[in-house]
Amino acid sequence: MLLDLIAEVENEIKFDRTLPDSHPIKIKFNDMFSWLEQGGAEFHKMKIRYYTEDFRGVCARQNIKNGDTLLFVPDQKLMLKSMINGSKYGKQI
């Protein structure tokens, strides 16, 4: 049982380190998360996991209880479709 748990933890660590901290994709996501946090967003119970360079996902950082807030984004940090469509970046997409 303990060996299974150790193997699972080692596997989790391996998945979380697929991309080095210096990878451009990881830097962009870290910059975005910093921007969100500085603006009052809260997502302490979640983390992004980099499975490969092109495949990432969100998973729990800790146990989540019924009623817990997983994500809070203040209005001024929301990116609405109407805002994106009107931006120079939205037009490029």
C-alpha atoms as a PDB file:
ATOM      1  CA  MET A   1       0.000   0.000   0.000  1.00  0.00           C
ATOM      2  CA  LEU A   2       2.750   2.474   0.950  1.00  0.00           C
ATOM      3  CA  LEU A   3       4.745   1.619  -2.186  1.00  0.00           C
ATOM      4  CA  ASP A   4       1.663   2.304  -4.307  1.00  0.00           C
ATOM      5  CA  LEU A   5       1.252   5.705  -2.656  1.00  0.00           C
ATOM      6  CA  ILE A   6       4.923   6.555  -3.199  1.00  0.00           C
ATOM      7  CA  ALA A   7       4.641   5.547  -6.868  1.00  0.00           C
ATOM      8  CA  GLU A   8       1.543   7.719  -7.269  1.00  0.00           C
ATOM      9  CA  VAL A   9       3.284  10.742  -5.726  1.00  0.00           C
ATOM     10  CA  GLU A  10       6.354  10.232  -7.919  1.00  0.00           C
ATOM     11  CA  ASN A  11       4.079  10.058 -10.950  1.00  0.00           C
ATOM     12  CA  GLU A  12       2.347  13.318  -9.922  1.00  0.00           C
ATOM     13  CA  ILE A  13       5.728  15.044  -9.595  1.00  0.00           C
ATOM     14  CA  LYS A  14       6.775  13.761 -13.022  1.00  0.00           C
ATOM     15  CA  PHE A  15       3.615  15.102 -14.668  1.00  0.00           C
ATOM     16  CA  ASP A  16       3.988  18.502 -13.021  1.00  0.00           C
ATOM     17  CA  ARG A  17       7.518  18.875 -14.369  1.00  0.00           C
ATOM     18  CA  THR A  18       6.906  18.004 -17.998  1.00  0.00           C
ATOM     19  CA  LEU A  19       7.758  21.562 -19.010  1.00  0.00           C
ATOM     20  CA  PRO A  20      10.730  23.345 -17.453  1.00  0.00           C
ATOM     21  CA  ASP A  21      10.053  26.669 -15.717  1.00  0.00           C
ATOM     22  CA  SER A  22      11.967  28.405 -18.529  1.00  0.00           C
ATOM     23  CA  HIS A  23       9.610  27.077 -21.254  1.00  0.00           C
ATOM     24  CA  PRO A  24       7.817  29.957 -23.093  1.00  0.00           C
ATOM     25  CA  ILE A  25       4.364  28.366 -22.638  1.00  0.00           C
ATOM     26  CA  LYS A  26       4.881  27.976 -18.898  1.00  0.00           C
ATOM     27  CA  ILE A  27       6.187  31.542 -18.607  1.00  0.00           C
ATOM     28  CA  LYS A  28       3.080  32.897 -20.392  1.00  0.00           C
ATOM     29  CA  PHE A  29       0.732  30.981 -18.104  1.00  0.00           C
ATOM     30  CA  ASN A  30       2.642  32.039 -14.979  1.00  0.00           C
ATOM     31  CA  ASP A  31       2.494  35.667 -16.135  1.00  0.00           C
ATOM     32  CA  MET A  32      -1.268  35.393 -16.683  1.00  0.00           C
ATOM     33  CA  PHE A  33      -1.798  33.785 -13.265  1.00  0.00           C
ATOM     34  CA  SER A  34       0.272  36.516 -11.591  1.00  0.00           C
ATOM     35  CA  TRP A  35      -1.770  39.186 -13.391  1.00  0.00           C
ATOM     36  CA  LEU A  36      -5.000  37.531 -12.236  1.00  0.00           C
ATOM     37  CA  GLU A  37      -3.828  37.183  -8.620  1.00  0.00           C
ATOM     38  CA  GLN A  38      -2.618  40.785  -8.479  1.00  0.00           C
ATOM     39  CA  GLY A  39      -6.084  41.823  -9.638  1.00  0.00           C
ATOM     40  CA  GLY A  40      -7.823  39.907  -6.843  1.00  0.00           C
ATOM     41  CA  ALA A  41      -8.534  36.556  -8.522  1.00  0.00           C
ATOM     42  CA  GLU A  42      -8.447  33.509  -6.271  1.00  0.00           C
ATOM     43  CA  PHE A  43      -7.767  29.944  -7.357  1.00  0.00           C
ATOM     44  CA  HIS A  44      -5.664  28.543  -4.507  1.00  0.00           C
ATOM     45  CA  LYS A  45      -7.266  25.112  -4.610  1.00  0.00           C
ATOM     46  CA  MET A  46      -6.415  24.534  -8.274  1.00  0.00           C
ATOM     47  CA  LYS A  47      -3.226  24.180 -10.276  1.00  0.00           C
ATOM     48  CA  ILE A  48      -2.347  23.745 -13.909  1.00  0.00           C
ATOM     49  CA  ARG A  49      -0.651  20.528 -14.901  1.00  0.00           C
ATOM     50  CA  TYR A  50       1.502  20.323 -18.014  1.00  0.00           C
ATOM     51  CA  TYR A  51       1.153  16.816 -19.448  1.00  0.00           C
ATOM     52  CA  THR A  52       3.000  17.708 -22.650  1.00  0.00           C
ATOM     53  CA  GLU A  53       3.894  20.943 -24.409  1.00  0.00           C
ATOM     54  CA  ASP A  54       0.503  20.992 -26.136  1.00  0.00           C
ATOM     55  CA  PHE A  55      -1.644  19.330 -23.466  1.00  0.00           C
ATOM     56  CA  ARG A  56      -2.380  20.831 -20.090  1.00  0.00           C
ATOM     57  CA  GLY A  57      -5.202  20.638 -17.622  1.00  0.00           C
ATOM     58  CA  VAL A  58      -6.447  21.935 -14.305  1.00  0.00           C
ATOM     59  CA  CYS A  59      -6.476  19.711 -11.252  1.00  0.00           C
ATOM     60  CA  ALA A  60      -7.018  20.052  -7.521  1.00  0.00           C
ATOM     61  CA  ARG A  61      -4.123  21.290  -5.404  1.00  0.00           C
ATOM     62  CA  GLN A  62      -5.839  20.088  -2.222  1.00  0.00           C
ATOM     63  CA  ASN A  63      -9.009  18.407  -1.041  1.00  0.00           C
ATOM     64  CA  ILE A  64     -12.138  20.235  -2.158  1.00  0.00           C
ATOM     65  CA  LYS A  65     -15.200  20.268   0.052  1.00  0.00           C
ATOM     66  CA  ASN A  66     -18.784  20.887  -0.938  1.00  0.00           C
ATOM     67  CA  GLY A  67     -19.357  24.643  -1.043  1.00  0.00           C
ATOM     68  CA  ASP A  68     -15.674  25.596  -1.491  1.00  0.00           C
ATOM     69  CA  THR A  69     -14.916  28.363  -3.969  1.00  0.00           C
ATOM     70  CA  LEU A  70     -12.661  26.970  -6.676  1.00  0.00           C
ATOM     71  CA  LEU A  71     -12.301  30.079  -8.794  1.00  0.00           C
ATOM     72  CA  PHE A  72     -13.102  33.729  -8.226  1.00  0.00           C
ATOM     73  CA  VAL A  73     -12.324  36.305 -10.917  1.00  0.00           C
ATOM     74  CA  PRO A  74     -13.190  39.976 -10.286  1.00  0.00           C
ATOM     75  CA  ASP A  75     -15.218  41.712 -13.000  1.00  0.00           C
ATOM     76  CA  GLN A  76     -12.245  43.840 -14.119  1.00  0.00           C
ATOM     77  CA  LYS A  77     -10.247  40.675 -14.915  1.00  0.00           C
ATOM     78  CA  LEU A  78     -12.953  38.888 -16.902  1.00  0.00           C
ATOM     79  CA  MET A  79     -12.246  38.360 -20.586  1.00  0.00           C
ATOM     80  CA  LEU A  80     -15.597  38.452 -22.356  1.00  0.00           C
ATOM     81  CA  LYS A  81     -16.124  37.278 -25.921  1.00  0.00           C
ATOM     82  CA  SER A  82     -17.317  40.746 -26.924  1.00  0.00           C
ATOM     83  CA  MET A  83     -14.107  42.265 -25.568  1.00  0.00           C
ATOM     84  CA  ILE A  84     -11.898  39.735 -27.316  1.00  0.00           C
ATOM     85  CA  ASN A  85     -13.698  40.095 -30.652  1.00  0.00           C
ATOM     86  CA  GLY A  86     -13.107  43.846 -30.552  1.00  0.00           C
ATOM     87  CA  SER A  87      -9.407  43.579 -29.728  1.00  0.00           C
ATOM     88  CA  LYS A  88      -6.547  43.360 -32.194  1.00  0.00           C
ATOM     89  CA  TYR A  89      -5.768  39.861 -30.875  1.00  0.00           C
ATOM     90  CA  GLY A  90      -9.348  38.690 -31.280  1.00  0.00           C
ATOM     91  CA  LYS A  91      -9.330  39.798 -34.883  1.00  0.00           C
ATOM     92  CA  GLN A  92      -6.202  37.725 -35.524  1.00  0.00           C
ATOM     93  CA  ILE A  93      -7.904  34.620 -34.181  1.00  0.00           C
END
